[in-house]
Amino acid sequence: MKILTLSLLSLSLAIAGNAALADFKAVKKEAQFRQQIVDRKLTDAKGNWTIIKSDGTQSGKFNGNTYTGSWKWSGRYWCRNGVIGGRELGTNCLLVEIDGSTTRFTRDKGKGKSGGVYTIN
């Protein structure tokens, strides 16, 4: 049992280490954002998902709650406003970063909390 526990701990640390070593690059232009992310399903490890649509809307499911909203590109940031499970999120502009087929969104123009890592499908 001790060996199994140590093996699982080692595997968890290796996975976490790989995420920390990811080489995310900031998306600086709306054209890049539209090409790589818009109209594609983004999913995370918890089963949450969203689709940021080319018409300026978005939808998804987070922690079992329906998400709807709108978005626009402003300067070097993706700005969104939405409602999740009946709760208004308010507008926030997020730093968007990409590493291959994964993306990360960080609130408050990159100075806030990260919304996690999503696979681009």
Protein backbone atom coordinates (compact mmCIF):
# COMPACT_ATOMS: atom_id res chain seq x y z
CA MET A 1 0.00 0.00 0.00
CA LYS A 2 2.87 2.35 0.82
CA ILE A 3 4.41 1.78 -2.62
CA LEU A 4 1.09 2.50 -4.36
CA THR A 5 0.64 5.71 -2.39
CA LEU A 6 4.18 6.87 -3.20
CA SER A 7 3.69 5.98 -6.87
CA LEU A 8 0.47 7.98 -7.07
CA LEU A 9 2.10 10.92 -5.30
CA SER A 10 5.03 10.83 -7.73
CA LEU A 11 2.69 10.69 -10.71
CA SER A 12 0.67 13.63 -9.36
CA LEU A 13 3.81 15.71 -8.88
CA ALA A 14 5.04 14.85 -12.37
CA ILE A 15 1.75 15.92 -13.93
CA ALA A 16 1.68 19.14 -11.91
CA GLY A 17 5.30 19.80 -12.85
CA ASN A 18 4.53 19.40 -16.55
CA ALA A 19 1.71 21.93 -16.30
CA ALA A 20 4.06 24.37 -14.59
CA LEU A 21 6.61 23.87 -17.38
CA ALA A 22 4.10 24.69 -20.12
CA ASP A 23 5.32 27.35 -22.52
CA PHE A 24 2.28 29.60 -22.75
CA LYS A 25 2.52 32.59 -25.09
CA ALA A 26 0.19 35.59 -24.86
CA VAL A 27 -2.36 36.09 -27.62
CA LYS A 28 -1.81 39.71 -28.62
CA LYS A 29 -4.14 40.18 -31.58
CA GLU A 30 -7.81 39.52 -32.18
CA ALA A 31 -7.02 37.78 -35.49
CA GLN A 32 -4.89 35.17 -33.67
CA PHE A 33 -7.60 34.71 -31.02
CA ARG A 34 -10.25 34.17 -33.68
CA GLN A 35 -8.06 31.77 -35.64
CA GLN A 36 -7.01 29.59 -32.70
CA ILE A 37 -9.90 29.74 -30.22
CA VAL A 38 -13.15 31.16 -31.61
CA ASP A 39 -15.85 28.64 -32.63
CA ARG A 40 -13.96 25.76 -30.99
CA LYS A 41 -15.01 23.89 -27.86
CA LEU A 42 -12.76 24.51 -24.86
CA THR A 43 -12.82 21.86 -22.13
CA ASP A 44 -11.05 21.50 -18.81
CA ALA A 45 -10.09 18.46 -16.73
CA LYS A 46 -13.30 18.80 -14.64
CA GLY A 47 -15.60 18.49 -17.65
CA ASN A 48 -16.42 22.20 -17.82
CA TRP A 49 -16.68 23.61 -21.33
CA THR A 50 -17.36 26.75 -23.32
CA ILE A 51 -17.60 27.85 -26.92
CA ILE A 52 -16.61 31.44 -27.71
CA LYS A 53 -18.54 32.17 -30.89
CA SER A 54 -17.61 34.36 -33.84
CA ASP A 55 -20.85 36.34 -33.49
CA GLY A 56 -19.71 37.76 -30.12
CA THR A 57 -21.69 35.36 -27.94
CA GLN A 58 -20.58 32.40 -25.88
CA SER A 59 -22.14 29.48 -24.07
CA GLY A 60 -21.08 26.57 -21.95
CA LYS A 61 -21.47 24.55 -18.79
CA PHE A 62 -19.47 25.12 -15.57
CA ASN A 63 -19.90 23.00 -12.46
CA GLY A 64 -23.27 21.83 -13.78
CA ASN A 65 -24.51 25.39 -14.38
CA THR A 66 -25.41 26.83 -17.77
CA TYR A 67 -23.24 29.73 -18.90
CA THR A 68 -24.19 32.38 -21.48
CA GLY A 69 -22.52 35.62 -22.32
CA SER A 70 -20.99 37.99 -24.79
CA TRP A 71 -17.44 39.01 -25.60
CA LYS A 72 -15.29 41.48 -27.52
CA TRP A 73 -11.58 41.94 -28.10
CA SER A 74 -10.09 45.10 -26.59
CA GLY A 75 -6.45 45.99 -27.13
CA ARG A 76 -4.56 42.84 -26.11
CA TYR A 77 -7.35 41.32 -24.01
CA TRP A 78 -10.48 39.22 -24.32
CA CYS A 79 -13.32 40.96 -22.49
CA ARG A 80 -16.36 38.95 -21.47
CA ASN A 81 -19.59 39.45 -19.63
CA GLY A 82 -21.79 36.53 -18.71
CA VAL A 83 -24.29 34.79 -16.49
CA ILE A 84 -23.60 31.43 -14.89
CA GLY A 85 -26.34 29.61 -13.05
CA GLY A 86 -28.37 32.84 -12.87
CA ARG A 87 -25.48 34.83 -11.36
CA GLU A 88 -24.17 37.87 -13.26
CA LEU A 89 -20.38 37.72 -13.57
CA GLY A 90 -19.79 41.31 -14.59
CA THR A 91 -17.36 42.42 -17.27
CA ASN A 92 -13.72 41.40 -17.02
CA CYS A 93 -10.87 41.59 -19.51
CA LEU A 94 -8.62 38.55 -19.48
CA LEU A 95 -5.14 37.75 -20.72
CA VAL A 96 -5.33 34.79 -23.11
CA GLU A 97 -2.34 32.49 -23.51
CA ILE A 98 -1.84 29.46 -25.75
CA ASP A 99 0.56 26.53 -25.64
CA GLY A 100 -0.13 24.15 -28.53
CA SER A 101 -3.66 22.80 -28.05
CA THR A 102 -4.16 24.30 -24.59
CA THR A 103 -5.18 27.77 -23.52
CA ARG A 104 -5.24 29.68 -20.26
CA PHE A 105 -7.32 32.74 -19.32
CA THR A 106 -6.18 35.06 -16.50
CA ARG A 107 -8.57 37.67 -15.12
CA ASP A 108 -7.89 41.37 -14.62
CA LYS A 109 -5.68 41.71 -17.71
CA GLY A 110 -3.36 38.96 -16.47
CA LYS A 111 -3.04 40.24 -12.91
CA GLY A 112 -5.88 38.22 -11.37
CA LYS A 113 -6.79 34.60 -10.86
CA SER A 114 -6.32 32.12 -13.68
CA GLY A 115 -9.49 30.44 -14.88
CA GLY A 116 -7.59 27.22 -15.45
CA VAL A 117 -6.20 25.42 -18.46
CA TYR A 118 -8.50 24.35 -21.31
CA THR A 119 -7.97 21.96 -24.18
CA ILE A 120 -8.83 23.50 -27.54
CA ASN A 121 -10.98 20.99 -29.46
